[in-house]
C-alpha atoms as a PDB file:
ATOM      1  CA  MET A   1     114.394   5.826 -74.745  1.00  0.00           C
ATOM      2  CA  GLU A   2     114.232   5.256 -78.495  1.00  0.00           C
ATOM      3  CA  ASN A   3     115.823   1.829 -78.103  1.00  0.00           C
ATOM      4  CA  ASN A   4     113.211   0.898 -75.486  1.00  0.00           C
ATOM      5  CA  ASP A   5     110.390   1.846 -77.907  1.00  0.00           C
ATOM      6  CA  ARG A   6     111.938  -0.356 -80.581  1.00  0.00           C
ATOM      7  CA  ASN A   7     112.163  -3.278 -78.172  1.00  0.00           C
ATOM      8  CA  GLN A   8     108.541  -2.855 -77.137  1.00  0.00           C
ATOM      9  CA  ALA A   9     107.462  -2.656 -80.763  1.00  0.00           C
ATOM     10  CA  ARG A  10     109.496  -5.783 -81.587  1.00  0.00           C
ATOM     11  CA  GLU A  11     107.958  -7.653 -78.637  1.00  0.00           C
ATOM     12  CA  ALA A  12     104.463  -6.624 -79.728  1.00  0.00           C
ATOM     13  CA  LEU A  13     105.095  -7.796 -83.301  1.00  0.00           C
ATOM     14  CA  ASP A  14     106.533 -11.074 -82.033  1.00  0.00           C
ATOM     15  CA  ALA A  15     103.442 -11.588 -79.860  1.00  0.00           C
ATOM     16  CA  ILE A  16     101.192 -10.993 -82.894  1.00  0.00           C
ATOM     17  CA  ALA A  17     103.181 -13.483 -84.974  1.00  0.00           C
ATOM     18  CA  SER A  18     102.982 -16.035 -82.175  1.00  0.00           C
ATOM     19  CA  THR A  19      99.225 -15.554 -81.884  1.00  0.00           C
ATOM     20  CA  ARG A  20      98.817 -15.976 -85.648  1.00  0.00           C
ATOM     21  CA  SER A  21     100.760 -19.237 -85.491  1.00  0.00           C
ATOM     22  CA  ASP A  22      98.662 -20.453 -82.563  1.00  0.00           C
ATOM     23  CA  VAL A  23      95.425 -19.638 -84.403  1.00  0.00           C
ATOM     24  CA  ALA A  24      96.685 -21.364 -87.565  1.00  0.00           C
ATOM     25  CA  ALA A  25      97.492 -24.458 -85.504  1.00  0.00           C
ATOM     26  CA  ARG A  26      93.924 -24.518 -84.132  1.00  0.00           C
ATOM     27  CA  LEU A  27      92.410 -24.406 -87.631  1.00  0.00           C
ATOM     28  CA  VAL A  28      92.710 -28.084 -88.380  1.00  0.00           C
ATOM     29  CA  THR A  29      89.712 -29.342 -90.284  1.00  0.00           C
ATOM     30  CA  PRO A  30      88.621 -32.886 -89.372  1.00  0.00           C
ATOM     31  CA  TRP A  31      89.203 -35.510 -92.057  1.00  0.00           C
ATOM     32  CA  PHE A  32      85.479 -35.929 -92.760  1.00  0.00           C
ATOM     33  CA  TYR A  33      84.593 -32.240 -93.206  1.00  0.00           C
ATOM     34  CA  HIS A  34      85.328 -31.831 -96.927  1.00  0.00           C
ATOM     35  CA  PRO A  35      84.089 -35.290 -97.995  1.00  0.00           C
ATOM     36  CA  VAL A  36      80.749 -34.632 -96.229  1.00  0.00           C
ATOM     37  CA  LEU A  37      80.506 -31.227 -97.911  1.00  0.00           C
ATOM     38  CA  GLY A  38      81.356 -32.881-101.241  1.00  0.00           C
ATOM     39  CA  LEU A  39      78.723 -35.587-100.716  1.00  0.00           C
ATOM     40  CA  SER A  40      76.135 -32.949 -99.904  1.00  0.00           C
ATOM     41  CA  LEU A  41      76.953 -31.108-103.127  1.00  0.00           C
ATOM     42  CA  ALA A  42      76.969 -34.384-105.071  1.00  0.00           C
ATOM     43  CA  VAL A  43      73.426 -35.076-103.864  1.00  0.00           C
ATOM     44  CA  LEU A  44      72.425 -31.711-105.335  1.00  0.00           C
ATOM     45  CA  VAL A  45      74.083 -32.593-108.632  1.00  0.00           C
ATOM     46  CA  LEU A  46      72.326 -35.973-108.727  1.00  0.00           C
ATOM     47  CA  VAL A  47      68.869 -34.660-107.850  1.00  0.00           C
ATOM     48  CA  HIS A  48      69.068 -31.821-110.352  1.00  0.00           C
ATOM     49  CA  GLY A  49      70.745 -34.015-112.966  1.00  0.00           C
ATOM     50  CA  PHE A  50      68.206 -36.837-112.747  1.00  0.00           C
ATOM     51  CA  GLY A  51      65.350 -34.371-113.070  1.00  0.00           C
ATOM     52  CA  GLY A  52      63.428 -34.836-109.859  1.00  0.00           C
ATOM     53  CA  SER A  53      60.294 -32.830-109.150  1.00  0.00           C
ATOM     54  CA  THR A  54      60.575 -29.169-108.265  1.00  0.00           C
ATOM     55  CA  MET A  55      59.545 -29.959-104.698  1.00  0.00           C
ATOM     56  CA  MET A  56      62.209 -32.678-104.427  1.00  0.00           C
ATOM     57  CA  LYS A  57      64.847 -30.277-105.734  1.00  0.00           C
ATOM     58  CA  ALA A  58      63.749 -27.603-103.274  1.00  0.00           C
ATOM     59  CA  TRP A  59      63.776 -29.915-100.249  1.00  0.00           C
ATOM     60  CA  THR A  60      67.105 -31.417-101.267  1.00  0.00           C
ATOM     61  CA  SER A  61      68.607 -27.957-101.721  1.00  0.00           C
ATOM     62  CA  CYS A  62      67.347 -26.916 -98.274  1.00  0.00           C
ATOM     63  CA  GLY A  63      68.757 -30.111 -96.758  1.00  0.00           C
ATOM     64  CA  CYS A  64      72.157 -29.575 -98.327  1.00  0.00           C
ATOM     65  CA  VAL A  65      72.260 -25.965 -97.124  1.00  0.00           C
ATOM     66  CA  LEU A  66      71.358 -27.149 -93.609  1.00  0.00           C
ATOM     67  CA  VAL A  67      74.133 -29.762 -93.711  1.00  0.00           C
ATOM     68  CA  ALA A  68      76.658 -27.095 -94.721  1.00  0.00           C
ATOM     69  CA  LEU A  69      75.437 -24.622 -92.086  1.00  0.00           C
ATOM     70  CA  GLY A  70      75.451 -27.353 -89.443  1.00  0.00           C
ATOM     71  CA  MET A  71      79.045 -28.265 -90.250  1.00  0.00           C
ATOM     72  CA  ILE A  72      80.118 -24.622 -90.184  1.00  0.00           C
ATOM     73  CA  THR A  73      78.402 -24.094 -86.826  1.00  0.00           C
ATOM     74  CA  TRP A  74      79.926 -27.273 -85.385  1.00  0.00           C
ATOM     75  CA  TYR A  75      83.411 -26.330 -86.604  1.00  0.00           C
ATOM     76  CA  THR A  76      83.099 -22.789 -85.221  1.00  0.00           C
ATOM     77  CA  ARG A  77      82.073 -24.126 -81.817  1.00  0.00           C
ATOM     78  CA  ARG A  78      84.793 -26.770 -81.880  1.00  0.00           C
ATOM     79  CA  THR A  79      87.627 -24.363 -82.661  1.00  0.00           C
ATOM     80  CA  GLY A  80      86.208 -21.144 -81.276  1.00  0.00           C
ATOM     81  CA  LEU A  81      86.994 -19.501 -84.616  1.00  0.00           C
ATOM     82  CA  ALA A  82      84.803 -18.567 -87.552  1.00  0.00           C
ATOM     83  CA  ILE A  83      86.370 -18.319 -90.983  1.00  0.00           C
ATOM     84  CA  THR A  84      84.561 -15.575 -92.850  1.00  0.00           C
ATOM     85  CA  GLY A  85      86.977 -14.791 -95.646  1.00  0.00           C
ATOM     86  CA  THR A  86      90.378 -15.497 -97.080  1.00  0.00           C
ATOM     87  CA  GLY A  87      93.640 -14.855 -95.310  1.00  0.00           C
ATOM     88  CA  GLY A  88      95.795 -13.731 -98.207  1.00  0.00           C
ATOM     89  CA  PRO A  89      96.738 -14.311-101.844  1.00  0.00           C
ATOM     90  CA  ARG A  90      97.240 -18.083-101.625  1.00  0.00           C
ATOM     91  CA  SER A  91      93.962 -18.707 -99.873  1.00  0.00           C
ATOM     92  CA  ARG A  92      92.116 -16.354-102.257  1.00  0.00           C
ATOM     93  CA  ARG A  93      93.336 -18.400-105.239  1.00  0.00           C
ATOM     94  CA  ALA A  94      92.512 -21.675-103.503  1.00  0.00           C
ATOM     95  CA  PHE A  95      89.061 -20.367-102.560  1.00  0.00           C
ATOM     96  CA  ALA A  96      88.369 -19.370-106.166  1.00  0.00           C
ATOM     97  CA  TRP A  97      89.261 -22.902-107.314  1.00  0.00           C
ATOM     98  CA  CYS A  98      87.030 -24.379-104.589  1.00  0.00           C
ATOM     99  CA  CYS A  99      84.113 -22.301-105.801  1.00  0.00           C
ATOM    100  CA  VAL A 100      84.649 -23.429-109.392  1.00  0.00           C
ATOM    101  CA  VAL A 101      84.967 -27.095-108.434  1.00  0.00           C
ATOM    102  CA  MET A 102      81.895 -26.974-106.192  1.00  0.00           C
ATOM    103  CA  ALA A 103      79.604 -24.871-108.397  1.00  0.00           C
ATOM    104  CA  ALA A 104      80.520 -25.853-111.963  1.00  0.00           C
ATOM    105  CA  PRO A 105      79.045 -29.394-111.915  1.00  0.00           C
ATOM    106  CA  LEU A 106      75.726 -28.185-110.504  1.00  0.00           C
ATOM    107  CA  VAL A 107      75.505 -25.326-112.993  1.00  0.00           C
ATOM    108  CA  TYR A 108      76.383 -27.756-115.791  1.00  0.00           C
ATOM    109  CA  VAL A 109      73.603 -30.237-114.948  1.00  0.00           C
ATOM    110  CA  VAL A 110      71.013 -27.490-114.445  1.00  0.00           C
ATOM    111  CA  VAL A 111      71.813 -25.665-117.671  1.00  0.00           C
ATOM    112  CA  LEU A 112      72.764 -28.467-120.084  1.00  0.00           C
ATOM    113  CA  GLU A 113      70.847 -31.475-118.714  1.00  0.00           C
ATOM    114  CA  PRO A 114      73.465 -34.117-119.610  1.00  0.00           C
ATOM    115  CA  SER A 115      72.944 -37.886-119.816  1.00  0.00           C
ATOM    116  CA  LYS A 116      72.541 -39.894-116.602  1.00  0.00           C
ATOM    117  CA  PRO A 117      76.010 -41.523-116.665  1.00  0.00           C
ATOM    118  CA  PHE A 118      77.582 -38.099-117.101  1.00  0.00           C
ATOM    119  CA  VAL A 119      75.571 -36.790-114.130  1.00  0.00           C
ATOM    120  CA  VAL A 120      76.968 -39.595-111.970  1.00  0.00           C
ATOM    121  CA  ALA A 121      80.493 -38.789-113.163  1.00  0.00           C
ATOM    122  CA  LEU A 122      79.948 -35.119-112.283  1.00  0.00           C
ATOM    123  CA  ALA A 123      78.738 -36.112-108.809  1.00  0.00           C
ATOM    124  CA  VAL A 124      81.912 -38.162-108.260  1.00  0.00           C
ATOM    125  CA  ILE A 125      84.044 -35.285-109.527  1.00  0.00           C
ATOM    126  CA  THR A 126      82.206 -32.983-107.090  1.00  0.00           C
ATOM    127  CA  VAL A 127      83.044 -35.183-104.082  1.00  0.00           C
ATOM    128  CA  VAL A 128      86.673 -35.708-105.061  1.00  0.00           C
ATOM    129  CA  GLY A 129      87.216 -32.099-106.147  1.00  0.00           C
ATOM    130  CA  THR A 130      85.611 -30.630-103.038  1.00  0.00           C
ATOM    131  CA  THR A 131      87.730 -32.868-100.829  1.00  0.00           C
ATOM    132  CA  ILE A 132      91.008 -32.101-102.603  1.00  0.00           C
ATOM    133  CA  PHE A 133      90.507 -28.384-103.167  1.00  0.00           C
ATOM    134  CA  GLY A 134      88.902 -27.868 -99.761  1.00  0.00           C
ATOM    135  CA  ARG A 135      91.976 -29.296 -98.087  1.00  0.00           C
ATOM    136  CA  ARG A 136      94.247 -27.191-100.282  1.00  0.00           C
ATOM    137  CA  TYR A 137      92.284 -24.105 -99.287  1.00  0.00           C
ATOM    138  CA  ASP A 138      92.735 -24.995 -95.610  1.00  0.00           C
ATOM    139  CA  GLU A 139      96.492 -25.382 -96.076  1.00  0.00           C
ATOM    140  CA  ALA A 140      96.740 -22.086 -97.975  1.00  0.00           C
ATOM    141  CA  TYR A 141      94.629 -20.293 -95.370  1.00  0.00           C
ATOM    142  CA  ARG A 142      96.807 -21.537 -92.522  1.00  0.00           C
ATOM    143  CA  ALA A 143      99.974 -20.528 -94.393  1.00  0.00           C
ATOM    144  CA  ASP A 144      98.590 -17.053 -95.113  1.00  0.00           C
ATOM    145  CA  LEU A 145      97.527 -16.713 -91.498  1.00  0.00           C
ATOM    146  CA  ARG A 146     100.949 -17.711 -90.181  1.00  0.00           C
ATOM    147  CA  GLU A 147     102.673 -15.219 -92.467  1.00  0.00           C
ATOM    148  CA  GLY A 148     100.220 -12.410 -91.798  1.00  0.00           C
ATOM    149  CA  ALA A 149      99.369 -12.018 -95.492  1.00  0.00           C
ATOM    150  CA  GLN A 150      96.638  -9.583 -96.455  1.00  0.00           C
END
């Protein structure tokens, strides 16, 4: 009887591990996802860095938020999964770096108002950084998900 309970428990744990692996395999972000997100953020950096009108900044900010929400909605419908947090320690670290890379340039241009060439450089850094760190976050999230990390 006790041996049977152990076997059932082992089978249940194996089924959970298999499901986690299947879900991780479905979470493949399309190649354009992070570059589009990075471009959207770069537009924010450029508009705020070049000192557009308040109305232009507001409309651009709304547009960039809509782009991000549209991509999230599309991805959720495509995969049937919504990512609402981190999967474990690796993805938490990667997510923290993503937030820094995505937010720091915008905060910098809003607070310090740098020269125009520097604003352009920050916009490029935003696109490249968002693409690289976004993909690293995806890899870390899938690894955490496969391993069942909390």
